[in-house]
């Protein structure tokens, strides 16, 4: 009986130790406060389908990309935990307005229309729109040639807005940039319109010789971190953190990691 009792006690103690171990490992990988559990979490919204800015790697639940590295570094500078939430792109601003998230970072271009709905941080990335077509398409060589063509875009983006301005264009709005490439490869559209780094990253990552870029950048735009309207206090803290990352070289390191070169101007 004693032996059985001792075995039961040992089993209970082992289970308790295992449970305690599991509790230690439950700390989020997005903890940016050097292990402090008392730090307030910064609730971040992103649409994790916009490589190389935010995406999930194959076989991984972790959010990766330029934006993800930047916001984790910003959180560390601010001394807060970063809690990343994957939200449809067109749901990011409503999520900010309702208070479900504190900030949104998702390759979001700073526009006058959006500035009426949210507050933006200082720009952290300069971008622009480019077009991509099938490699054997010799009819489209510039944006002017998109007149009357079928164009795939990601819903809620500046690419979607610009495509709708093209005369007689048939615009097909997709849920993700990945979907726009699939539509092009399937021959359902004549071209896709995405941010330049997204198109470039797709071609490099996939070594896809069946598609090509055409023309110069249609627009020149800057990405910013979005916050609830008039949340100037948090915006100031984020701007300060971004500036520190640029001054201490971390911004350049992250930029080079994802784009292969350092930015020409990181001021």
Protein backbone atom coordinates (compact mmCIF):
# COMPACT_ATOMS: atom_id res chain seq x y z
CA UNK A 1 0.00 0.00 0.00
CA UNK A 2 2.82 2.37 0.93
CA UNK A 3 4.48 1.66 -2.38
CA UNK A 4 1.27 2.43 -4.25
CA UNK A 5 0.80 5.63 -2.25
CA UNK A 6 4.36 6.73 -2.92
CA UNK A 7 3.89 6.09 -6.62
CA UNK A 8 0.68 8.18 -6.61
CA UNK A 9 2.43 11.05 -4.83
CA UNK A 10 5.32 10.92 -7.32
CA UNK A 11 2.86 10.97 -10.22
CA UNK A 12 1.03 13.99 -8.81
CA UNK A 13 4.30 15.84 -8.22
CA UNK A 14 5.45 15.04 -11.76
CA UNK A 15 2.19 16.32 -13.20
CA UNK A 16 2.51 19.51 -11.18
CA UNK A 17 6.05 20.07 -12.45
CA UNK A 18 4.94 19.43 -16.04
CA UNK A 19 2.07 21.91 -15.68
CA UNK A 20 4.42 24.53 -14.26
CA UNK A 21 6.79 23.98 -17.17
CA UNK A 22 3.98 24.47 -19.68
CA UNK A 23 3.06 27.75 -18.01
CA UNK A 24 6.60 29.09 -18.46
CA UNK A 25 6.57 28.25 -22.17
CA UNK A 26 3.26 30.03 -22.81
CA UNK A 27 4.94 33.44 -23.09
CA UNK A 28 4.15 34.93 -26.51
CA UNK A 29 6.97 35.09 -29.03
CA UNK A 30 5.90 38.70 -29.50
CA UNK A 31 6.88 39.63 -25.94
CA UNK A 32 9.02 42.72 -26.48
CA UNK A 33 9.48 43.72 -22.85
CA UNK A 34 12.52 41.54 -22.08
CA UNK A 35 10.36 39.06 -20.18
CA UNK A 36 8.40 41.50 -18.04
CA UNK A 37 4.84 40.23 -17.64
CA UNK A 38 3.67 43.55 -16.20
CA UNK A 39 4.10 45.55 -19.41
CA UNK A 40 0.91 46.68 -21.14
CA UNK A 41 0.29 44.84 -24.39
CA UNK A 42 0.25 46.88 -27.58
CA UNK A 43 -2.54 45.35 -29.66
CA UNK A 44 -1.38 45.37 -33.27
CA UNK A 45 -3.58 44.68 -36.29
CA UNK A 46 -2.18 43.44 -39.58
CA UNK A 47 -3.34 41.59 -42.68
CA UNK A 48 -0.78 38.80 -42.80
CA UNK A 49 -1.02 38.16 -46.53
CA UNK A 50 1.21 40.89 -47.92
CA UNK A 51 4.72 39.50 -48.35
CA UNK A 52 7.37 40.68 -47.76
CA UNK A 53 5.73 43.01 -45.22
CA UNK A 54 3.54 40.58 -43.28
CA UNK A 55 2.87 36.90 -43.87
CA UNK A 56 3.02 33.47 -42.28
CA UNK A 57 5.82 31.20 -43.39
CA UNK A 58 5.06 27.68 -44.54
CA UNK A 59 4.57 25.38 -41.58
CA UNK A 60 4.80 28.26 -39.10
CA UNK A 61 2.22 30.16 -37.07
CA UNK A 62 4.58 33.08 -36.51
CA UNK A 63 3.96 36.31 -38.40
CA UNK A 64 6.98 37.31 -40.44
CA UNK A 65 8.02 40.20 -42.66
CA UNK A 66 9.42 43.71 -42.70
CA UNK A 67 6.47 45.25 -40.86
CA UNK A 68 6.49 42.49 -38.24
CA UNK A 69 10.18 43.00 -37.49
CA UNK A 70 9.70 46.76 -37.36
CA UNK A 71 6.75 46.67 -34.95
CA UNK A 72 8.47 44.17 -32.66
CA UNK A 73 11.52 46.44 -32.56
CA UNK A 74 9.26 49.45 -31.89
CA UNK A 75 7.58 47.57 -29.05
CA UNK A 76 10.95 46.72 -27.54
CA UNK A 77 12.02 50.37 -27.69
CA UNK A 78 8.76 51.34 -25.98
CA UNK A 79 9.12 48.58 -23.37
CA UNK A 80 5.77 46.96 -24.14
CA UNK A 81 4.54 43.56 -25.26
CA UNK A 82 3.42 43.30 -28.89
CA UNK A 83 0.23 41.30 -29.51
CA UNK A 84 -0.32 40.74 -33.23
CA UNK A 85 -3.83 40.12 -34.59
CA UNK A 86 -4.48 38.96 -38.17
CA UNK A 87 -7.39 40.99 -39.60
CA UNK A 88 -8.73 41.47 -43.13
CA UNK A 89 -7.16 44.61 -44.60
CA UNK A 90 -10.48 46.42 -45.03
CA UNK A 91 -11.28 45.65 -41.39
CA UNK A 92 -8.18 47.31 -39.91
CA UNK A 93 -9.52 50.87 -39.73
CA UNK A 94 -12.88 49.76 -38.26
CA UNK A 95 -10.93 47.72 -35.67
CA UNK A 96 -8.97 50.84 -34.73
CA UNK A 97 -12.12 52.95 -34.52
CA UNK A 98 -13.85 50.40 -32.28
CA UNK A 99 -10.81 50.11 -30.01
CA UNK A 100 -10.24 46.41 -30.69
CA UNK A 101 -6.63 47.19 -31.64
CA UNK A 102 -4.27 50.03 -30.69
CA UNK A 103 -2.39 50.32 -33.97
CA UNK A 104 -2.37 48.86 -37.48
CA UNK A 105 0.75 48.15 -39.51
CA UNK A 106 0.08 46.45 -42.81
CA UNK A 107 1.79 48.22 -45.69
CA UNK A 108 -0.86 50.92 -45.30
CA UNK A 109 -0.33 53.95 -47.54
CA UNK A 110 -0.84 57.36 -45.99
CA UNK A 111 -3.65 59.03 -47.94
CA UNK A 112 -5.78 62.11 -47.36
CA UNK A 113 -8.90 59.93 -47.25
CA UNK A 114 -7.47 57.66 -44.57
CA UNK A 115 -6.17 60.62 -42.56
CA UNK A 116 -9.79 61.66 -42.11
CA UNK A 117 -10.43 58.36 -40.31
CA UNK A 118 -7.17 57.64 -38.45
CA UNK A 119 -3.98 59.23 -37.18
CA UNK A 120 -0.74 58.12 -38.86
CA UNK A 121 2.77 57.84 -37.54
CA UNK A 122 5.63 59.39 -39.46
CA UNK A 123 6.29 57.48 -42.72
CA UNK A 124 8.48 54.41 -42.24
CA UNK A 125 8.64 53.12 -45.85
CA UNK A 126 8.43 54.69 -49.32
CA UNK A 127 6.60 52.69 -51.97
CA UNK A 128 4.59 52.98 -55.20
CA UNK A 129 2.35 50.94 -57.49
CA UNK A 130 3.57 48.75 -60.35
CA UNK A 131 1.84 46.50 -62.86
CA UNK A 132 2.60 42.89 -63.70
CA UNK A 133 1.47 40.88 -66.74
CA UNK A 134 2.19 37.49 -68.28
CA UNK A 135 5.61 37.24 -69.88
CA UNK A 136 4.14 36.60 -73.33
CA UNK A 137 1.85 39.65 -73.17
CA UNK A 138 3.17 42.20 -75.67
CA UNK A 139 0.07 44.40 -75.66
CA UNK A 140 0.64 45.95 -72.23
CA UNK A 141 3.88 47.86 -71.88
CA UNK A 142 2.81 50.79 -69.71
CA UNK A 143 -0.04 51.93 -67.50
CA UNK A 144 -1.62 53.67 -70.48
CA UNK A 145 -2.08 50.23 -72.06
CA UNK A 146 -4.30 49.11 -69.17
CA UNK A 147 -7.21 51.03 -70.66
CA UNK A 148 -10.12 48.58 -71.02
CA UNK A 149 -8.17 45.64 -69.53
CA UNK A 150 -9.04 43.21 -66.75
CA UNK A 151 -7.02 44.07 -63.64
CA UNK A 152 -6.71 42.17 -60.36
CA UNK A 153 -6.12 44.16 -57.16
CA UNK A 154 -6.31 43.55 -53.42
CA UNK A 155 -9.50 44.91 -51.93
CA UNK A 156 -9.23 48.08 -49.84
CA UNK A 157 -5.78 49.06 -51.14
CA UNK A 158 -4.55 52.12 -53.02
CA UNK A 159 -3.97 49.75 -55.93
CA UNK A 160 -7.72 49.13 -56.02
CA UNK A 161 -8.41 52.87 -55.91
CA UNK A 162 -6.00 53.64 -58.75
CA UNK A 163 -7.22 50.76 -60.91
CA UNK A 164 -10.76 52.14 -60.76
CA UNK A 165 -9.47 55.39 -62.28
CA UNK A 166 -8.22 53.61 -65.42
CA UNK A 167 -10.69 54.19 -68.26
CA UNK A 168 -12.93 51.20 -69.06
CA UNK A 169 -10.89 48.89 -66.85
CA UNK A 170 -12.60 45.81 -65.43
CA UNK A 171 -11.33 45.69 -61.86
CA UNK A 172 -11.43 42.41 -59.95
CA UNK A 173 -10.92 42.90 -56.21
CA UNK A 174 -9.33 39.97 -54.39
CA UNK A 175 -8.89 39.24 -50.69
CA UNK A 176 -5.08 39.10 -50.87
CA UNK A 177 -2.14 39.99 -53.08
CA UNK A 178 -1.45 36.25 -53.44
CA UNK A 179 -4.90 35.87 -54.99
CA UNK A 180 -4.12 38.54 -57.59
CA UNK A 181 -1.10 36.54 -58.79
CA UNK A 182 -3.20 33.39 -59.02
CA UNK A 183 -5.78 35.22 -61.14
CA UNK A 184 -3.04 36.42 -63.49
CA UNK A 185 -1.43 33.00 -63.85
CA UNK A 186 -4.85 31.43 -64.49
CA UNK A 187 -5.44 33.90 -67.31
CA UNK A 188 -8.52 35.39 -65.66
CA UNK A 189 -7.06 38.93 -65.79
CA UNK A 190 -4.65 40.80 -68.04
CA UNK A 191 -2.64 42.43 -65.26
CA UNK A 192 -2.25 42.88 -61.53
CA UNK A 193 -1.65 46.17 -59.75
CA UNK A 194 0.22 45.92 -56.45
CA UNK A 195 2.80 47.83 -54.45
CA UNK A 196 6.24 47.55 -56.07
CA UNK A 197 7.96 45.59 -53.26
CA UNK A 198 5.12 43.06 -53.25
CA UNK A 199 5.43 42.41 -57.00
CA UNK A 200 9.23 42.35 -56.76
CA UNK A 201 9.23 39.94 -53.82
CA UNK A 202 6.84 37.59 -55.61
CA UNK A 203 9.13 37.39 -58.64
CA UNK A 204 12.29 36.88 -56.60
CA UNK A 205 10.81 34.34 -54.19
CA UNK A 206 9.10 32.28 -56.86
CA UNK A 207 11.67 32.74 -59.64
CA UNK A 208 8.62 33.03 -61.87
CA UNK A 209 9.58 33.58 -65.50
CA UNK A 210 5.97 33.37 -66.68
CA UNK A 211 5.25 36.94 -65.52
CA UNK A 212 6.97 40.30 -65.92
CA UNK A 213 6.77 43.87 -64.63
CA UNK A 214 5.82 46.63 -67.06
CA UNK A 215 6.27 50.40 -66.94
CA UNK A 216 7.56 52.63 -64.19
CA UNK A 217 5.93 53.21 -60.80
CA UNK A 218 2.43 54.61 -61.23
CA UNK A 219 2.48 56.41 -57.90
CA UNK A 220 4.86 57.38 -55.14
CA UNK A 221 3.47 56.80 -51.68
CA UNK A 222 4.56 56.26 -48.08
CA UNK A 223 3.51 53.66 -45.52
CA UNK A 224 2.57 54.68 -42.00
CA UNK A 225 1.43 53.04 -38.78
CA UNK A 226 -2.26 53.85 -38.23
CA UNK A 227 -3.80 54.71 -34.87
CA UNK A 228 -7.24 55.70 -33.64
CA UNK A 229 -8.08 59.26 -34.67
CA UNK A 230 -6.40 61.92 -32.49
CA UNK A 231 -4.37 59.39 -30.49
CA UNK A 232 -1.45 61.78 -30.65
CA UNK A 233 0.19 60.59 -27.42
CA UNK A 234 0.74 57.05 -28.68
CA UNK A 235 1.68 58.36 -32.13
CA UNK A 236 4.44 60.48 -30.55
CA UNK A 237 5.83 57.44 -28.69
CA UNK A 238 5.83 55.35 -31.86
CA UNK A 239 7.52 58.13 -33.85
CA UNK A 240 10.19 58.39 -31.17
CA UNK A 241 10.78 54.63 -31.28
CA UNK A 242 11.03 54.60 -35.09
CA UNK A 243 13.54 57.45 -35.00
CA UNK A 244 15.66 55.57 -32.44
CA UNK A 245 15.66 52.48 -34.68
CA UNK A 246 16.94 54.61 -37.55
CA UNK A 247 19.61 56.25 -35.41
CA UNK A 248 20.94 53.02 -33.87
CA UNK A 249 21.04 51.14 -37.17
CA UNK A 250 18.35 48.54 -36.44
CA UNK A 251 16.05 49.96 -39.12
CA UNK A 252 18.75 49.54 -41.77
CA UNK A 253 19.41 45.97 -40.63
CA UNK A 254 15.73 45.04 -40.92
CA UNK A 255 15.42 46.79 -44.28
CA UNK A 256 18.42 44.96 -45.71
CA UNK A 257 17.13 41.63 -44.38
CA UNK A 258 13.95 41.93 -46.46
CA UNK A 259 14.97 44.02 -49.47
CA UNK A 260 18.63 43.12 -49.96
CA UNK A 261 19.93 46.70 -49.76
CA UNK A 262 19.92 49.53 -47.25
CA UNK A 263 17.41 52.36 -47.79
CA UNK A 264 18.67 55.37 -49.73
CA UNK A 265 17.14 57.70 -47.14
CA UNK A 266 16.19 56.59 -43.65
CA UNK A 267 15.84 59.98 -42.00
